[in-house]
Amino acid sequence: MNKPDGIFSGHQAVHTVTFDEGWSPVELPYGANLSESLSINNSPVLFGCRTGICGTCMIEVAEESNGKLPPPSEEERELLDLMAPDNPRARLACQIQISADIKVKPLQWK
């Protein structure tokens, strides 16, 4: 039997978000919006509009975490194609609902 990724707290899975640059990991409940949770936890990821149109919260999902999250929506993909065309692991943190343990790092767009 496969165990789901994450720790169970009561009946809700808790997932760990790890950062690439020495910041403390953050534990978030399954389904939590990454941008809302990270701003509360004072993370290294910056946020602007929180609607996926400014690109301030662009992150790179580590290779070992790639595939653990649902793919970007068509709207998110359009913005990522403009802002990080050569990075298939780029995502907008404001568009991610946590569903797995992931490792991320902030990105600056070109």
N, C-alpha and C. Protein backbone atom coordinates (compact mmCIF):
# COMPACT_ATOMS: atom_id res chain seq x y z
N MET A 1 0.84 -1.19 0.00
CA MET A 1 0.00 0.00 0.00
C MET A 1 0.88 1.25 0.00
N ASN A 2 0.65 2.16 -0.95
CA ASN A 2 1.41 3.39 -1.03
C ASN A 2 0.93 4.39 0.00
N LYS A 3 1.87 5.00 0.70
CA LYS A 3 1.52 6.05 1.66
C LYS A 3 1.55 7.38 0.93
N PRO A 4 0.57 8.26 1.18
CA PRO A 4 0.59 9.57 0.54
C PRO A 4 1.74 10.40 1.08
N ASP A 5 2.22 11.31 0.24
CA ASP A 5 3.26 12.24 0.62
C ASP A 5 2.73 13.13 1.74
N GLY A 6 3.55 13.44 2.73
CA GLY A 6 3.13 14.36 3.78
C GLY A 6 2.86 13.65 5.10
N ILE A 7 2.72 14.43 6.13
CA ILE A 7 2.45 13.95 7.48
C ILE A 7 0.97 14.14 7.74
N PHE A 8 0.37 13.23 8.48
CA PHE A 8 -1.05 13.40 8.80
C PHE A 8 -1.20 14.00 10.18
N SER A 9 -1.95 15.09 10.25
CA SER A 9 -2.24 15.76 11.51
C SER A 9 -3.74 15.61 11.72
N GLY A 10 -4.14 14.74 12.60
CA GLY A 10 -5.57 14.43 12.72
C GLY A 10 -5.98 13.70 11.46
N HIS A 11 -6.88 14.28 10.69
CA HIS A 11 -7.32 13.69 9.44
C HIS A 11 -6.79 14.44 8.23
N GLN A 12 -6.02 15.50 8.44
CA GLN A 12 -5.56 16.32 7.32
C GLN A 12 -4.07 16.13 7.09
N ALA A 13 -3.70 15.92 5.83
CA ALA A 13 -2.28 15.79 5.48
C ALA A 13 -1.61 17.14 5.62
N VAL A 14 -0.39 17.12 6.11
CA VAL A 14 0.44 18.32 6.22
C VAL A 14 1.66 18.09 5.35
N HIS A 15 1.97 19.07 4.49
CA HIS A 15 3.09 18.95 3.57
C HIS A 15 4.16 19.97 3.91
N THR A 16 5.40 19.63 3.60
CA THR A 16 6.53 20.49 3.89
C THR A 16 7.00 21.20 2.64
N VAL A 17 7.15 22.51 2.76
CA VAL A 17 7.75 23.32 1.70
C VAL A 17 9.15 23.68 2.17
N THR A 18 10.14 23.24 1.41
CA THR A 18 11.54 23.49 1.73
C THR A 18 12.07 24.52 0.74
N PHE A 19 12.93 25.40 1.22
CA PHE A 19 13.50 26.45 0.37
C PHE A 19 14.95 26.14 0.05
N ASP A 20 15.41 26.67 -1.05
CA ASP A 20 16.75 26.39 -1.55
C ASP A 20 17.84 27.17 -0.82
N GLU A 21 17.51 28.21 -0.08
CA GLU A 21 18.54 29.11 0.41
C GLU A 21 18.61 29.25 1.92
N GLY A 22 18.57 28.18 2.65
CA GLY A 22 18.79 28.24 4.09
C GLY A 22 17.62 28.75 4.92
N TRP A 23 16.46 28.95 4.35
CA TRP A 23 15.28 29.34 5.12
C TRP A 23 14.70 28.10 5.77
N SER A 24 14.04 28.29 6.88
CA SER A 24 13.43 27.15 7.58
C SER A 24 12.27 26.59 6.77
N PRO A 25 12.11 25.27 6.75
CA PRO A 25 10.97 24.67 6.06
C PRO A 25 9.66 25.11 6.71
N VAL A 26 8.59 25.07 5.95
CA VAL A 26 7.26 25.45 6.42
C VAL A 26 6.33 24.27 6.20
N GLU A 27 5.52 23.94 7.20
CA GLU A 27 4.53 22.88 7.05
C GLU A 27 3.17 23.51 6.78
N LEU A 28 2.52 23.01 5.72
CA LEU A 28 1.23 23.56 5.30
C LEU A 28 0.22 22.44 5.11
N PRO A 29 -1.04 22.71 5.41
CA PRO A 29 -2.06 21.68 5.22
C PRO A 29 -2.34 21.46 3.73
N TYR A 30 -2.76 20.26 3.40
CA TYR A 30 -3.15 19.92 2.04
C TYR A 30 -4.17 20.93 1.53
N GLY A 31 -3.97 21.43 0.32
CA GLY A 31 -4.90 22.36 -0.29
C GLY A 31 -4.65 23.83 0.03
N ALA A 32 -3.71 24.12 0.92
CA ALA A 32 -3.42 25.51 1.27
C ALA A 32 -2.86 26.24 0.05
N ASN A 33 -3.22 27.51 -0.09
CA ASN A 33 -2.67 28.33 -1.16
C ASN A 33 -1.25 28.71 -0.76
N LEU A 34 -0.30 28.41 -1.63
CA LEU A 34 1.11 28.61 -1.29
C LEU A 34 1.42 30.07 -0.98
N SER A 35 0.93 31.02 -1.77
CA SER A 35 1.28 32.43 -1.54
C SER A 35 0.72 32.94 -0.22
N GLU A 36 -0.52 32.61 0.10
CA GLU A 36 -1.12 33.07 1.35
C GLU A 36 -0.35 32.50 2.55
N SER A 37 -0.01 31.23 2.47
CA SER A 37 0.68 30.58 3.58
C SER A 37 2.11 31.07 3.74
N LEU A 38 2.81 31.31 2.64
CA LEU A 38 4.20 31.74 2.74
C LEU A 38 4.32 33.17 3.22
N SER A 39 3.39 34.04 2.87
CA SER A 39 3.49 35.41 3.37
C SER A 39 3.24 35.46 4.88
N ILE A 40 2.40 34.60 5.38
CA ILE A 40 2.16 34.50 6.83
C ILE A 40 3.41 34.00 7.54
N ASN A 41 4.15 33.10 6.89
CA ASN A 41 5.34 32.48 7.48
C ASN A 41 6.64 33.21 7.17
N ASN A 42 6.56 34.43 6.59
CA ASN A 42 7.75 35.24 6.32
C ASN A 42 8.80 34.47 5.51
N SER A 43 8.42 33.99 4.34
CA SER A 43 9.31 33.21 3.49
C SER A 43 10.13 34.11 2.57
N PRO A 44 11.09 33.54 1.83
CA PRO A 44 11.90 34.32 0.90
C PRO A 44 11.16 34.66 -0.41
N VAL A 45 9.95 34.16 -0.60
CA VAL A 45 9.20 34.42 -1.82
C VAL A 45 8.40 35.71 -1.66
N LEU A 46 8.55 36.62 -2.62
CA LEU A 46 7.81 37.89 -2.59
C LEU A 46 6.49 37.75 -3.32
N PHE A 47 5.52 38.58 -2.95
CA PHE A 47 4.20 38.53 -3.57
C PHE A 47 3.73 39.92 -3.92
N GLY A 48 3.07 40.04 -5.05
CA GLY A 48 2.51 41.32 -5.48
C GLY A 48 1.00 41.21 -5.57
N CYS A 49 0.50 40.93 -6.78
CA CYS A 49 -0.94 40.96 -7.04
C CYS A 49 -1.71 39.78 -6.43
N ARG A 50 -1.09 38.63 -6.30
CA ARG A 50 -1.69 37.39 -5.79
C ARG A 50 -2.77 36.81 -6.71
N THR A 51 -2.82 37.29 -7.96
CA THR A 51 -3.80 36.77 -8.91
C THR A 51 -3.16 36.15 -10.14
N GLY A 52 -1.83 36.13 -10.20
CA GLY A 52 -1.16 35.48 -11.31
C GLY A 52 -0.92 36.37 -12.52
N ILE A 53 -0.93 37.70 -12.33
CA ILE A 53 -0.69 38.57 -13.49
C ILE A 53 0.59 39.38 -13.41
N CYS A 54 1.24 39.45 -12.22
CA CYS A 54 2.43 40.30 -12.11
C CYS A 54 3.74 39.51 -12.16
N GLY A 55 3.73 38.25 -11.78
CA GLY A 55 4.95 37.44 -11.82
C GLY A 55 5.89 37.62 -10.65
N THR A 56 5.53 38.44 -9.68
CA THR A 56 6.40 38.69 -8.53
C THR A 56 6.72 37.41 -7.77
N CYS A 57 5.77 36.49 -7.69
CA CYS A 57 5.92 35.28 -6.88
C CYS A 57 6.45 34.09 -7.69
N MET A 58 7.15 34.36 -8.78
CA MET A 58 7.66 33.27 -9.60
C MET A 58 8.71 32.47 -8.82
N ILE A 59 8.54 31.18 -8.83
CA ILE A 59 9.44 30.26 -8.14
C ILE A 59 9.89 29.18 -9.10
N GLU A 60 10.94 28.49 -8.72
CA GLU A 60 11.35 27.29 -9.44
C GLU A 60 11.14 26.10 -8.52
N VAL A 61 10.42 25.12 -9.00
CA VAL A 61 10.18 23.91 -8.23
C VAL A 61 11.35 22.98 -8.50
N ALA A 62 11.99 22.50 -7.43
CA ALA A 62 13.16 21.64 -7.58
C ALA A 62 12.84 20.40 -8.40
N GLU A 63 13.84 19.91 -9.09
CA GLU A 63 13.64 18.76 -9.98
C GLU A 63 13.03 17.58 -9.25
N GLU A 64 13.46 17.32 -8.02
CA GLU A 64 12.91 16.18 -7.28
C GLU A 64 11.45 16.38 -6.89
N SER A 65 10.98 17.63 -6.93
CA SER A 65 9.58 17.93 -6.62
C SER A 65 8.73 18.02 -7.88
N ASN A 66 9.38 18.11 -9.02
CA ASN A 66 8.67 18.26 -10.28
C ASN A 66 7.76 17.06 -10.52
N GLY A 67 6.54 17.31 -10.91
CA GLY A 67 5.58 16.24 -11.13
C GLY A 67 4.72 15.94 -9.92
N LYS A 68 5.04 16.52 -8.77
CA LYS A 68 4.23 16.30 -7.57
C LYS A 68 3.06 17.26 -7.49
N LEU A 69 3.09 18.31 -8.28
CA LEU A 69 2.02 19.30 -8.30
C LEU A 69 1.24 19.18 -9.61
N PRO A 70 -0.03 19.57 -9.60
CA PRO A 70 -0.77 19.60 -10.86
C PRO A 70 -0.09 20.57 -11.83
N PRO A 71 -0.21 20.37 -13.12
CA PRO A 71 0.42 21.28 -14.07
C PRO A 71 -0.20 22.67 -14.00
N PRO A 72 0.52 23.68 -14.50
CA PRO A 72 -0.03 25.03 -14.50
C PRO A 72 -1.28 25.12 -15.36
N SER A 73 -2.17 26.04 -14.98
CA SER A 73 -3.36 26.30 -15.81
C SER A 73 -2.90 26.97 -17.10
N GLU A 74 -3.80 27.08 -18.05
CA GLU A 74 -3.48 27.72 -19.32
C GLU A 74 -3.05 29.17 -19.10
N GLU A 75 -3.73 29.89 -18.20
CA GLU A 75 -3.41 31.29 -17.92
C GLU A 75 -2.02 31.41 -17.27
N GLU A 76 -1.73 30.52 -16.31
CA GLU A 76 -0.42 30.56 -15.67
C GLU A 76 0.66 30.23 -16.69
N ARG A 77 0.44 29.23 -17.52
CA ARG A 77 1.41 28.83 -18.54
C ARG A 77 1.72 29.98 -19.49
N GLU A 78 0.70 30.76 -19.88
CA GLU A 78 0.92 31.90 -20.77
C GLU A 78 1.88 32.91 -20.15
N LEU A 79 1.70 33.23 -18.87
CA LEU A 79 2.58 34.18 -18.20
C LEU A 79 3.98 33.60 -18.04
N LEU A 80 4.06 32.32 -17.67
CA LEU A 80 5.38 31.69 -17.52
C LEU A 80 6.12 31.63 -18.85
N ASP A 81 5.41 31.43 -19.94
CA ASP A 81 6.04 31.40 -21.26
C ASP A 81 6.66 32.75 -21.60
N LEU A 82 6.08 33.84 -21.09
CA LEU A 82 6.64 35.17 -21.31
C LEU A 82 7.80 35.48 -20.36
N MET A 83 7.65 35.08 -19.10
CA MET A 83 8.59 35.49 -18.06
C MET A 83 9.75 34.52 -17.83
N ALA A 84 9.52 33.26 -18.08
CA ALA A 84 10.57 32.24 -17.87
C ALA A 84 10.47 31.20 -18.97
N PRO A 85 10.63 31.63 -20.23
CA PRO A 85 10.39 30.72 -21.35
C PRO A 85 11.30 29.50 -21.39
N ASP A 86 12.47 29.61 -20.80
CA ASP A 86 13.43 28.50 -20.86
C ASP A 86 13.47 27.67 -19.59
N ASN A 87 12.50 27.87 -18.70
CA ASN A 87 12.51 27.15 -17.42
C ASN A 87 11.21 26.36 -17.24
N PRO A 88 11.23 25.07 -17.56
CA PRO A 88 10.01 24.27 -17.43
C PRO A 88 9.57 24.04 -15.99
N ARG A 89 10.43 24.35 -15.01
CA ARG A 89 10.06 24.16 -13.60
C ARG A 89 9.57 25.44 -12.94
N ALA A 90 9.47 26.52 -13.71
CA ALA A 90 8.97 27.79 -13.16
C ALA A 90 7.48 27.68 -12.90
N ARG A 91 7.05 28.27 -11.79
CA ARG A 91 5.63 28.32 -11.41
C ARG A 91 5.36 29.65 -10.72
N LEU A 92 4.10 30.01 -10.61
CA LEU A 92 3.68 31.17 -9.83
C LEU A 92 3.15 30.64 -8.50
N ALA A 93 3.78 31.05 -7.40
CA ALA A 93 3.39 30.53 -6.09
C ALA A 93 1.94 30.85 -5.75
N CYS A 94 1.42 31.96 -6.26
CA CYS A 94 0.04 32.33 -5.95
C CYS A 94 -0.98 31.41 -6.63
N GLN A 95 -0.54 30.60 -7.57
CA GLN A 95 -1.44 29.70 -8.29
C GLN A 95 -1.35 28.25 -7.81
N ILE A 96 -0.52 27.99 -6.81
CA ILE A 96 -0.30 26.61 -6.36
C ILE A 96 -1.10 26.31 -5.10
N GLN A 97 -1.84 25.22 -5.15
CA GLN A 97 -2.51 24.66 -3.97
C GLN A 97 -1.64 23.47 -3.54
N ILE A 98 -1.22 23.46 -2.31
CA ILE A 98 -0.28 22.43 -1.83
C ILE A 98 -0.94 21.06 -1.85
N SER A 99 -0.24 20.11 -2.48
CA SER A 99 -0.73 18.74 -2.55
C SER A 99 0.39 17.72 -2.34
N ALA A 100 1.61 18.22 -2.04
CA ALA A 100 2.76 17.34 -1.87
C ALA A 100 3.87 18.11 -1.17
N ASP A 101 4.86 17.38 -0.67
CA ASP A 101 6.08 18.01 -0.16
C ASP A 101 6.83 18.53 -1.37
N ILE A 102 7.28 19.80 -1.31
CA ILE A 102 8.02 20.38 -2.43
C ILE A 102 9.19 21.20 -1.94
N LYS A 103 10.15 21.39 -2.84
CA LYS A 103 11.30 22.26 -2.59
C LYS A 103 11.26 23.33 -3.67
N VAL A 104 11.37 24.61 -3.24
CA VAL A 104 11.27 25.72 -4.17
C VAL A 104 12.36 26.75 -3.91
N LYS A 105 12.58 27.61 -4.91
CA LYS A 105 13.43 28.77 -4.72
C LYS A 105 12.83 29.92 -5.52
N PRO A 106 12.97 31.15 -5.01
CA PRO A 106 12.45 32.31 -5.72
C PRO A 106 13.21 32.51 -7.03
N LEU A 107 12.53 33.02 -8.04
CA LEU A 107 13.14 33.34 -9.33
C LEU A 107 12.95 34.82 -9.64
N GLN A 108 13.91 35.39 -10.29
CA GLN A 108 13.78 36.74 -10.82
C GLN A 108 13.52 36.59 -12.30
N TRP A 109 12.55 37.29 -12.84
CA TRP A 109 12.27 37.16 -14.26
C TRP A 109 13.17 38.06 -15.06
N LYS A 110 13.38 37.63 -16.30
CA LYS A 110 14.33 38.31 -17.19
C LYS A 110 13.72 39.51 -17.84
